[in-house]
Amino acid sequence: TIYFGGGTPSLLSDKEISDFLNEARSDFSVSENPEITLEANP
């Protein structure tokens, strides 16, 4: 599981989110079907 909390993570751009997820996959063994959650304001 990877969870973006805050604060307001929905203020991140697509690229900023992708950069974190790419870093996570580079540094850790991430499962094939992880739960990846973003807290978002309406």
ModelCIF file with pLDDT and N, C-alpha, C, O atoms, coordinates in Angstrom:
data_MODEL
#
_entry.id   MODEL 
#
_entity.id                         1 
_entity.type                       polymer 
_entity.pdbx_number_of_molecules   1 
#
_entity_poly.entity_id                      1 
_entity_poly.type                           'polypeptide(L)' 
_entity_poly.nstd_linkage                   no 
_entity_poly.nstd_monomer                   no 
_entity_poly.pdbx_seq_one_letter_code       TIYFGGGTPSLLSDKEISDFLNEARSDFSVSENPEITLEANP 
_entity_poly.pdbx_seq_one_letter_code_can   TIYFGGGTPSLLSDKEISDFLNEARSDFSVSENPEITLEANP 
_entity_poly.pdbx_strand_id                 A 
#
loop_
_entity_poly_seq.entity_id 
_entity_poly_seq.num 
_entity_poly_seq.mon_id 
_entity_poly_seq.hetero 
1 1  THR n 
1 2  ILE n 
1 3  TYR n 
1 4  PHE n 
1 5  GLY n 
1 6  GLY n 
1 7  GLY n 
1 8  THR n 
1 9  PRO n 
1 10 SER n 
1 11 LEU n 
1 12 LEU n 
1 13 SER n 
1 14 ASP n 
1 15 LYS n 
1 16 GLU n 
1 17 ILE n 
1 18 SER n 
1 19 ASP n 
1 20 PHE n 
1 21 LEU n 
1 22 ASN n 
1 23 GLU n 
1 24 ALA n 
1 25 ARG n 
1 26 SER n 
1 27 ASP n 
1 28 PHE n 
1 29 SER n 
1 30 VAL n 
1 31 SER n 
1 32 GLU n 
1 33 ASN n 
1 34 PRO n 
1 35 GLU n 
1 36 ILE n 
1 37 THR n 
1 38 LEU n 
1 39 GLU n 
1 40 ALA n 
1 41 ASN n 
1 42 PRO n 
#
_struct_asym.id          A 
_struct_asym.entity_id   1 
#
loop_
_ma_qa_metric.id 
_ma_qa_metric.mode 
_ma_qa_metric.name 
_ma_qa_metric.software_group_id 
_ma_qa_metric.type 
1 global pLDDT . pLDDT 
2 local  pLDDT . pLDDT 
#
_ma_qa_metric_global.metric_id      1 
_ma_qa_metric_global.metric_value   95.05 
_ma_qa_metric_global.model_id       1 
_ma_qa_metric_global.ordinal_id     1 
#
loop_
_ma_qa_metric_local.label_asym_id 
_ma_qa_metric_local.label_comp_id 
_ma_qa_metric_local.label_seq_id 
_ma_qa_metric_local.metric_id 
_ma_qa_metric_local.metric_value 
_ma_qa_metric_local.model_id 
_ma_qa_metric_local.ordinal_id 
A THR 1  2 98.00 1 1  
A ILE 2  2 98.00 1 2  
A TYR 3  2 98.00 1 3  
A PHE 4  2 98.00 1 4  
A GLY 5  2 94.00 1 5  
A GLY 6  2 85.00 1 6  
A GLY 7  2 83.00 1 7  
A THR 8  2 88.00 1 8  
A PRO 9  2 92.00 1 9  
A SER 10 2 91.00 1 10 
A LEU 11 2 91.00 1 11 
A LEU 12 2 94.00 1 12 
A SER 13 2 93.00 1 13 
A ASP 14 2 93.00 1 14 
A LYS 15 2 95.00 1 15 
A GLU 16 2 96.00 1 16 
A ILE 17 2 97.00 1 17 
A SER 18 2 97.00 1 18 
A ASP 19 2 97.00 1 19 
A PHE 20 2 97.00 1 20 
A LEU 21 2 97.00 1 21 
A ASN 22 2 97.00 1 22 
A GLU 23 2 97.00 1 23 
A ALA 24 2 97.00 1 24 
A ARG 25 2 96.00 1 25 
A SER 26 2 96.00 1 26 
A ASP 27 2 97.00 1 27 
A PHE 28 2 97.00 1 28 
A SER 29 2 96.00 1 29 
A VAL 30 2 97.00 1 30 
A SER 31 2 97.00 1 31 
A GLU 32 2 94.00 1 32 
A ASN 33 2 95.00 1 33 
A PRO 34 2 97.00 1 34 
A GLU 35 2 98.00 1 35 
A ILE 36 2 98.00 1 36 
A THR 37 2 98.00 1 37 
A LEU 38 2 97.00 1 38 
A GLU 39 2 96.00 1 39 
A ALA 40 2 95.00 1 40 
A ASN 41 2 92.00 1 41 
A PRO 42 2 93.00 1 42 
#
loop_
_atom_site.group_PDB 
_atom_site.id 
_atom_site.type_symbol 
_atom_site.label_atom_id 
_atom_site.label_alt_id 
_atom_site.label_comp_id 
_atom_site.label_asym_id 
_atom_site.label_entity_id 
_atom_site.label_seq_id 
_atom_site.pdbx_PDB_ins_code 
_atom_site.Cartn_x 
_atom_site.Cartn_y 
_atom_site.Cartn_z 
_atom_site.occupancy 
_atom_site.B_iso_or_equiv 
_atom_site.pdbx_formal_charge 
_atom_site.auth_seq_id 
_atom_site.auth_comp_id 
_atom_site.auth_asym_id 
_atom_site.auth_atom_id 
_atom_site.pdbx_PDB_model_num 
ATOM 1   N N  . THR A 1 1  ? 0.839   -1.203 0.000   1.00 98.00 ? 1  THR A N  1 
ATOM 2   C CA . THR A 1 1  ? 0.000   0.000  0.000   1.00 98.00 ? 1  THR A CA 1 
ATOM 3   C C  . THR A 1 1  ? 0.872   1.252  0.000   1.00 98.00 ? 1  THR A C  1 
ATOM 4   O O  . THR A 1 1  ? 1.900   1.306  0.676   1.00 98.00 ? 1  THR A O  1 
ATOM 5   N N  . ILE A 1 2  ? 0.452   2.249  -0.762  1.00 98.00 ? 2  ILE A N  1 
ATOM 6   C CA . ILE A 1 2  ? 1.090   3.563  -0.765  1.00 98.00 ? 2  ILE A CA 1 
ATOM 7   C C  . ILE A 1 2  ? -0.020  4.591  -0.591  1.00 98.00 ? 2  ILE A C  1 
ATOM 8   O O  . ILE A 1 2  ? -1.020  4.566  -1.309  1.00 98.00 ? 2  ILE A O  1 
ATOM 9   N N  . TYR A 1 3  ? 0.162   5.494  0.369   1.00 98.00 ? 3  TYR A N  1 
ATOM 10  C CA . TYR A 1 3  ? -0.914  6.413  0.736   1.00 98.00 ? 3  TYR A CA 1 
ATOM 11  C C  . TYR A 1 3  ? -0.390  7.848  0.729   1.00 98.00 ? 3  TYR A C  1 
ATOM 12  O O  . TYR A 1 3  ? 0.535   8.183  1.469   1.00 98.00 ? 3  TYR A O  1 
ATOM 13  N N  . PHE A 1 4  ? -0.990  8.693  -0.115  1.00 98.00 ? 4  PHE A N  1 
ATOM 14  C CA . PHE A 1 4  ? -0.681  10.121 -0.126  1.00 98.00 ? 4  PHE A CA 1 
ATOM 15  C C  . PHE A 1 4  ? -1.664  10.823 0.803   1.00 98.00 ? 4  PHE A C  1 
ATOM 16  O O  . PHE A 1 4  ? -2.850  10.924 0.491   1.00 98.00 ? 4  PHE A O  1 
ATOM 17  N N  . GLY A 1 5  ? -1.168  11.314 1.958   1.00 94.00 ? 5  GLY A N  1 
ATOM 18  C CA . GLY A 1 5  ? -2.023  12.005 2.920   1.00 94.00 ? 5  GLY A CA 1 
ATOM 19  C C  . GLY A 1 5  ? -1.554  13.428 3.134   1.00 94.00 ? 5  GLY A C  1 
ATOM 20  O O  . GLY A 1 5  ? -0.565  13.866 2.547   1.00 94.00 ? 5  GLY A O  1 
ATOM 21  N N  . GLY A 1 6  ? -2.276  14.144 3.982   1.00 85.00 ? 6  GLY A N  1 
ATOM 22  C CA . GLY A 1 6  ? -1.872  15.537 4.176   1.00 85.00 ? 6  GLY A CA 1 
ATOM 23  C C  . GLY A 1 6  ? -2.587  16.215 5.314   1.00 85.00 ? 6  GLY A C  1 
ATOM 24  O O  . GLY A 1 6  ? -3.049  15.581 6.263   1.00 85.00 ? 6  GLY A O  1 
ATOM 25  N N  . GLY A 1 7  ? -2.670  17.598 5.184   1.00 83.00 ? 7  GLY A N  1 
ATOM 26  C CA . GLY A 1 7  ? -2.504  18.340 3.971   1.00 83.00 ? 7  GLY A CA 1 
ATOM 27  C C  . GLY A 1 7  ? -3.516  17.999 2.892   1.00 83.00 ? 7  GLY A C  1 
ATOM 28  O O  . GLY A 1 7  ? -4.548  17.373 3.134   1.00 83.00 ? 7  GLY A O  1 
ATOM 29  N N  . THR A 1 8  ? -3.175  18.438 1.700   1.00 88.00 ? 8  THR A N  1 
ATOM 30  C CA . THR A 1 8  ? -4.058  18.226 0.554   1.00 88.00 ? 8  THR A CA 1 
ATOM 31  C C  . THR A 1 8  ? -3.257  17.658 -0.614  1.00 88.00 ? 8  THR A C  1 
ATOM 32  O O  . THR A 1 8  ? -2.798  18.412 -1.472  1.00 88.00 ? 8  THR A O  1 
ATOM 33  N N  . PRO A 1 9  ? -3.084  16.338 -0.654  1.00 92.00 ? 9  PRO A N  1 
ATOM 34  C CA . PRO A 1 9  ? -2.303  15.731 -1.742  1.00 92.00 ? 9  PRO A CA 1 
ATOM 35  C C  . PRO A 1 9  ? -2.887  15.954 -3.124  1.00 92.00 ? 9  PRO A C  1 
ATOM 36  O O  . PRO A 1 9  ? -2.171  15.854 -4.120  1.00 92.00 ? 9  PRO A O  1 
ATOM 37  N N  . SER A 1 10 ? -4.192  16.259 -3.201  1.00 91.00 ? 10 SER A N  1 
ATOM 38  C CA . SER A 1 10 ? -4.787  16.479 -4.522  1.00 91.00 ? 10 SER A CA 1 
ATOM 39  C C  . SER A 1 10 ? -4.301  17.770 -5.160  1.00 91.00 ? 10 SER A C  1 
ATOM 40  O O  . SER A 1 10 ? -4.689  18.081 -6.286  1.00 91.00 ? 10 SER A O  1 
ATOM 41  N N  . LEU A 1 11 ? -3.452  18.535 -4.457  1.00 91.00 ? 11 LEU A N  1 
ATOM 42  C CA . LEU A 1 11 ? -2.807  19.704 -5.063  1.00 91.00 ? 11 LEU A CA 1 
ATOM 43  C C  . LEU A 1 11 ? -1.582  19.307 -5.886  1.00 91.00 ? 11 LEU A C  1 
ATOM 44  O O  . LEU A 1 11 ? -1.033  20.134 -6.614  1.00 91.00 ? 11 LEU A O  1 
ATOM 45  N N  . LEU A 1 12 ? -1.151  18.054 -5.777  1.00 94.00 ? 12 LEU A N  1 
ATOM 46  C CA . LEU A 1 12 ? -0.004  17.594 -6.565  1.00 94.00 ? 12 LEU A CA 1 
ATOM 47  C C  . LEU A 1 12 ? -0.370  17.457 -8.036  1.00 94.00 ? 12 LEU A C  1 
ATOM 48  O O  . LEU A 1 12 ? -1.515  17.165 -8.381  1.00 94.00 ? 12 LEU A O  1 
ATOM 49  N N  . SER A 1 13 ? 0.610   17.670 -8.887  1.00 93.00 ? 13 SER A N  1 
ATOM 50  C CA . SER A 1 13 ? 0.412   17.434 -10.315 1.00 93.00 ? 13 SER A CA 1 
ATOM 51  C C  . SER A 1 13 ? 0.563   15.945 -10.607 1.00 93.00 ? 13 SER A C  1 
ATOM 52  O O  . SER A 1 13 ? 1.082   15.190 -9.785  1.00 93.00 ? 13 SER A O  1 
ATOM 53  N N  . ASP A 1 14 ? 0.104   15.532 -11.788 1.00 93.00 ? 14 ASP A N  1 
ATOM 54  C CA . ASP A 1 14 ? 0.270   14.135 -12.200 1.00 93.00 ? 14 ASP A CA 1 
ATOM 55  C C  . ASP A 1 14 ? 1.745   13.732 -12.150 1.00 93.00 ? 14 ASP A C  1 
ATOM 56  O O  . ASP A 1 14 ? 2.080   12.646 -11.676 1.00 93.00 ? 14 ASP A O  1 
ATOM 57  N N  . LYS A 1 15 ? 2.611   14.600 -12.636 1.00 95.00 ? 15 LYS A N  1 
ATOM 58  C CA . LYS A 1 15 ? 4.034   14.277 -12.684 1.00 95.00 ? 15 LYS A CA 1 
ATOM 59  C C  . LYS A 1 15 ? 4.610   14.122 -11.289 1.00 95.00 ? 15 LYS A C  1 
ATOM 60  O O  . LYS A 1 15 ? 5.421   13.227 -11.047 1.00 95.00 ? 15 LYS A O  1 
ATOM 61  N N  . GLU A 1 16 ? 4.197   14.990 -10.363 1.00 96.00 ? 16 GLU A N  1 
ATOM 62  C CA . GLU A 1 16 ? 4.712   14.900 -8.998  1.00 96.00 ? 16 GLU A CA 1 
ATOM 63  C C  . GLU A 1 16 ? 4.300   13.573 -8.349  1.00 96.00 ? 16 GLU A C  1 
ATOM 64  O O  . GLU A 1 16 ? 5.088   12.951 -7.636  1.00 96.00 ? 16 GLU A O  1 
ATOM 65  N N  . ILE A 1 17 ? 3.071   13.154 -8.602  1.00 97.00 ? 17 ILE A N  1 
ATOM 66  C CA . ILE A 1 17 ? 2.621   11.858 -8.084  1.00 97.00 ? 17 ILE A CA 1 
ATOM 67  C C  . ILE A 1 17 ? 3.429   10.727 -8.725  1.00 97.00 ? 17 ILE A C  1 
ATOM 68  O O  . ILE A 1 17 ? 3.906   9.827  -8.035  1.00 97.00 ? 17 ILE A O  1 
ATOM 69  N N  . SER A 1 18 ? 3.575   10.784 -10.039 1.00 97.00 ? 18 SER A N  1 
ATOM 70  C CA . SER A 1 18 ? 4.334   9.747  -10.756 1.00 97.00 ? 18 SER A CA 1 
ATOM 71  C C  . SER A 1 18 ? 5.772   9.669  -10.275 1.00 97.00 ? 18 SER A C  1 
ATOM 72  O O  . SER A 1 18 ? 6.334   8.581  -10.150 1.00 97.00 ? 18 SER A O  1 
ATOM 73  N N  . ASP A 1 19 ? 6.373   10.832 -10.004 1.00 97.00 ? 19 ASP A N  1 
ATOM 74  C CA . ASP A 1 19 ? 7.764   10.842 -9.529  1.00 97.00 ? 19 ASP A CA 1 
ATOM 75  C C  . ASP A 1 19 ? 7.897   10.080 -8.212  1.00 97.00 ? 19 ASP A C  1 
ATOM 76  O O  . ASP A 1 19 ? 8.852   9.326  -8.025  1.00 97.00 ? 19 ASP A O  1 
ATOM 77  N N  . PHE A 1 20 ? 6.949   10.273 -7.303  1.00 97.00 ? 20 PHE A N  1 
ATOM 78  C CA . PHE A 1 20 ? 6.984   9.548  -6.028  1.00 97.00 ? 20 PHE A CA 1 
ATOM 79  C C  . PHE A 1 20 ? 6.804   8.047  -6.242  1.00 97.00 ? 20 PHE A C  1 
ATOM 80  O O  . PHE A 1 20 ? 7.513   7.241  -5.641  1.00 97.00 ? 20 PHE A O  1 
ATOM 81  N N  . LEU A 1 21 ? 5.867   7.680  -7.088  1.00 97.00 ? 21 LEU A N  1 
ATOM 82  C CA . LEU A 1 21 ? 5.601   6.256  -7.311  1.00 97.00 ? 21 LEU A CA 1 
ATOM 83  C C  . LEU A 1 21 ? 6.768   5.582  -8.029  1.00 97.00 ? 21 LEU A C  1 
ATOM 84  O O  . LEU A 1 21 ? 7.095   4.428  -7.750  1.00 97.00 ? 21 LEU A O  1 
ATOM 85  N N  . ASN A 1 22 ? 7.386   6.305  -8.948  1.00 97.00 ? 22 ASN A N  1 
ATOM 86  C CA . ASN A 1 22 ? 8.564   5.754  -9.625  1.00 97.00 ? 22 ASN A CA 1 
ATOM 87  C C  . ASN A 1 22 ? 9.713   5.565  -8.632  1.00 97.00 ? 22 ASN A C  1 
ATOM 88  O O  . ASN A 1 22 ? 10.441  4.573  -8.690  1.00 97.00 ? 22 ASN A O  1 
ATOM 89  N N  . GLU A 1 23 ? 9.864   6.530  -7.723  1.00 97.00 ? 23 GLU A N  1 
ATOM 90  C CA . GLU A 1 23 ? 10.905  6.419  -6.696  1.00 97.00 ? 23 GLU A CA 1 
ATOM 91  C C  . GLU A 1 23 ? 10.640  5.225  -5.788  1.00 97.00 ? 23 GLU A C  1 
ATOM 92  O O  . GLU A 1 23 ? 11.556  4.476  -5.449  1.00 97.00 ? 23 GLU A O  1 
ATOM 93  N N  . ALA A 1 24 ? 9.381   5.054  -5.397  1.00 97.00 ? 24 ALA A N  1 
ATOM 94  C CA . ALA A 1 24 ? 9.023   3.928  -4.537  1.00 97.00 ? 24 ALA A CA 1 
ATOM 95  C C  . ALA A 1 24 ? 9.344   2.597  -5.203  1.00 97.00 ? 24 ALA A C  1 
ATOM 96  O O  . ALA A 1 24 ? 9.860   1.684  -4.558  1.00 97.00 ? 24 ALA A O  1 
ATOM 97  N N  . ARG A 1 25 ? 9.041   2.488  -6.491  1.00 96.00 ? 25 ARG A N  1 
ATOM 98  C CA . ARG A 1 25 ? 9.299   1.236  -7.207  1.00 96.00 ? 25 ARG A CA 1 
ATOM 99  C C  . ARG A 1 25 ? 10.794  1.007  -7.421  1.00 96.00 ? 25 ARG A C  1 
ATOM 100 O O  . ARG A 1 25 ? 11.256  -0.127 -7.543  1.00 96.00 ? 25 ARG A O  1 
ATOM 101 N N  . SER A 1 26 ? 11.527  2.099  -7.463  1.00 96.00 ? 26 SER A N  1 
ATOM 102 C CA . SER A 1 26 ? 12.976  1.976  -7.618  1.00 96.00 ? 26 SER A CA 1 
ATOM 103 C C  . SER A 1 26 ? 13.650  1.537  -6.315  1.00 96.00 ? 26 SER A C  1 
ATOM 104 O O  . SER A 1 26 ? 14.622  0.781  -6.336  1.00 96.00 ? 26 SER A O  1 
ATOM 105 N N  . ASP A 1 27 ? 13.128  2.015  -5.185  1.00 97.00 ? 27 ASP A N  1 
ATOM 106 C CA . ASP A 1 27 ? 13.784  1.787  -3.895  1.00 97.00 ? 27 ASP A CA 1 
ATOM 107 C C  . ASP A 1 27 ? 13.244  0.587  -3.125  1.00 97.00 ? 27 ASP A C  1 
ATOM 108 O O  . ASP A 1 27 ? 13.933  0.055  -2.255  1.00 97.00 ? 27 ASP A O  1 
ATOM 109 N N  . PHE A 1 28 ? 12.031  0.157  -3.430  1.00 97.00 ? 28 PHE A N  1 
ATOM 110 C CA . PHE A 1 28 ? 11.372  -0.891 -2.657  1.00 97.00 ? 28 PHE A CA 1 
ATOM 111 C C  . PHE A 1 28 ? 10.805  -1.965 -3.575  1.00 97.00 ? 28 PHE A C  1 
ATOM 112 O O  . PHE A 1 28 ? 10.646  -1.761 -4.778  1.00 97.00 ? 28 PHE A O  1 
ATOM 113 N N  . SER A 1 29 ? 10.507  -3.104 -2.983  1.00 96.00 ? 29 SER A N  1 
ATOM 114 C CA . SER A 1 29 ? 9.799   -4.165 -3.700  1.00 96.00 ? 29 SER A CA 1 
ATOM 115 C C  . SER A 1 29 ? 8.309   -3.893 -3.564  1.00 96.00 ? 29 SER A C  1 
ATOM 116 O O  . SER A 1 29 ? 7.730   -4.127 -2.503  1.00 96.00 ? 29 SER A O  1 
ATOM 117 N N  . VAL A 1 30 ? 7.689   -3.403 -4.624  1.00 97.00 ? 30 VAL A N  1 
ATOM 118 C CA . VAL A 1 30 ? 6.270   -3.046 -4.606  1.00 97.00 ? 30 VAL A CA 1 
ATOM 119 C C  . VAL A 1 30 ? 5.485   -4.181 -5.260  1.00 97.00 ? 30 VAL A C  1 
ATOM 120 O O  . VAL A 1 30 ? 5.881   -4.688 -6.310  1.00 97.00 ? 30 VAL A O  1 
ATOM 121 N N  . SER A 1 31 ? 4.369   -4.580 -4.639  1.00 97.00 ? 31 SER A N  1 
ATOM 122 C CA . SER A 1 31 ? 3.572   -5.702 -5.139  1.00 97.00 ? 31 SER A CA 1 
ATOM 123 C C  . SER A 1 31 ? 2.996   -5.383 -6.517  1.00 97.00 ? 31 SER A C  1 
ATOM 124 O O  . SER A 1 31 ? 2.976   -4.228 -6.942  1.00 97.00 ? 31 SER A O  1 
ATOM 125 N N  . GLU A 1 32 ? 2.529   -6.421 -7.205  1.00 94.00 ? 32 GLU A N  1 
ATOM 126 C CA . GLU A 1 32 ? 1.990   -6.236 -8.550  1.00 94.00 ? 32 GLU A CA 1 
ATOM 127 C C  . GLU A 1 32 ? 0.673   -5.467 -8.536  1.00 94.00 ? 32 GLU A C  1 
ATOM 128 O O  . GLU A 1 32 ? 0.346   -4.787 -9.508  1.00 94.00 ? 32 GLU A O  1 
ATOM 129 N N  . ASN A 1 33 ? -0.085  -5.567 -7.449  1.00 95.00 ? 33 ASN A N  1 
ATOM 130 C CA . ASN A 1 33 ? -1.386  -4.907 -7.374  1.00 95.00 ? 33 ASN A CA 1 
ATOM 131 C C  . ASN A 1 33 ? -1.519  -4.114 -6.083  1.00 95.00 ? 33 ASN A C  1 
ATOM 132 O O  . ASN A 1 33 ? -2.352  -4.439 -5.237  1.00 95.00 ? 33 ASN A O  1 
ATOM 133 N N  . PRO A 1 34 ? -0.705  -3.076 -5.926  1.00 97.00 ? 34 PRO A N  1 
ATOM 134 C CA . PRO A 1 34 ? -0.757  -2.317 -4.677  1.00 97.00 ? 34 PRO A CA 1 
ATOM 135 C C  . PRO A 1 34 ? -1.994  -1.431 -4.611  1.00 97.00 ? 34 PRO A C  1 
ATOM 136 O O  . PRO A 1 34 ? -2.527  -1.010 -5.638  1.00 97.00 ? 34 PRO A O  1 
ATOM 137 N N  . GLU A 1 35 ? -2.437  -1.157 -3.400  1.00 98.00 ? 35 GLU A N  1 
ATOM 138 C CA . GLU A 1 35 ? -3.466  -0.139 -3.195  1.00 98.00 ? 35 GLU A CA 1 
ATOM 139 C C  . GLU A 1 35 ? -2.752  1.204  -3.093  1.00 98.00 ? 35 GLU A C  1 
ATOM 140 O O  . GLU A 1 35 ? -1.923  1.405  -2.205  1.00 98.00 ? 35 GLU A O  1 
ATOM 141 N N  . ILE A 1 36 ? -3.075  2.124  -4.005  1.00 98.00 ? 36 ILE A N  1 
ATOM 142 C CA . ILE A 1 36 ? -2.422  3.441  -4.019  1.00 98.00 ? 36 ILE A CA 1 
ATOM 143 C C  . ILE A 1 36 ? -3.508  4.505  -3.841  1.00 98.00 ? 36 ILE A C  1 
ATOM 144 O O  . ILE A 1 36 ? -4.324  4.742  -4.733  1.00 98.00 ? 36 ILE A O  1 
ATOM 145 N N  . THR A 1 37 ? -3.497  5.129  -2.682  1.00 98.00 ? 37 THR A N  1 
ATOM 146 C CA . THR A 1 37 ? -4.568  6.038  -2.284  1.00 98.00 ? 37 THR A CA 1 
ATOM 147 C C  . THR A 1 37 ? -4.112  7.489  -2.304  1.00 98.00 ? 37 THR A C  1 
ATOM 148 O O  . THR A 1 37 ? -2.989  7.810  -1.915  1.00 98.00 ? 37 THR A O  1 
ATOM 149 N N  . LEU A 1 38 ? -5.001  8.356  -2.762  1.00 97.00 ? 38 LEU A N  1 
ATOM 150 C CA . LEU A 1 38 ? -4.777  9.805  -2.725  1.00 97.00 ? 38 LEU A CA 1 
ATOM 151 C C  . LEU A 1 38 ? -5.914  10.460 -1.960  1.00 97.00 ? 38 LEU A C  1 
ATOM 152 O O  . LEU A 1 38 ? -7.078  10.304 -2.328  1.00 97.00 ? 38 LEU A O  1 
ATOM 153 N N  . GLU A 1 39 ? -5.590  11.193 -0.897  1.00 96.00 ? 39 GLU A N  1 
ATOM 154 C CA . GLU A 1 39 ? -6.604  12.022 -0.253  1.00 96.00 ? 39 GLU A CA 1 
ATOM 155 C C  . GLU A 1 39 ? -6.889  13.211 -1.166  1.00 96.00 ? 39 GLU A C  1 
ATOM 156 O O  . GLU A 1 39 ? -5.963  13.851 -1.664  1.00 96.00 ? 39 GLU A O  1 
ATOM 157 N N  . ALA A 1 40 ? -8.170  13.504 -1.386  1.00 95.00 ? 40 ALA A N  1 
ATOM 158 C CA . ALA A 1 40 ? -8.538  14.546 -2.347  1.00 95.00 ? 40 ALA A CA 1 
ATOM 159 C C  . ALA A 1 40 ? -9.670  15.403 -1.802  1.00 95.00 ? 40 ALA A C  1 
ATOM 160 O O  . ALA A 1 40 ? -10.601 14.894 -1.178  1.00 95.00 ? 40 ALA A O  1 
ATOM 161 N N  . ASN A 1 41 ? -9.586  16.685 -2.040  1.00 92.00 ? 41 ASN A N  1 
ATOM 162 C CA . ASN A 1 41 ? -10.680 17.587 -1.711  1.00 92.00 ? 41 ASN A CA 1 
ATOM 163 C C  . ASN A 1 41 ? -11.623 17.704 -2.905  1.00 92.00 ? 41 ASN A C  1 
ATOM 164 O O  . ASN A 1 41 ? -11.169 17.692 -4.050  1.00 92.00 ? 41 ASN A O  1 
ATOM 165 N N  . PRO A 1 42 ? -12.920 17.817 -2.659  1.00 93.00 ? 42 PRO A N  1 
ATOM 166 C CA . PRO A 1 42 ? -13.888 17.862 -3.767  1.00 93.00 ? 42 PRO A CA 1 
ATOM 167 C C  . PRO A 1 42 ? -13.608 18.940 -4.799  1.00 93.00 ? 42 PRO A C  1 
ATOM 168 O O  . PRO A 1 42 ? -14.351 19.073 -5.771  1.00 93.00 ? 42 PRO A O  1 
#
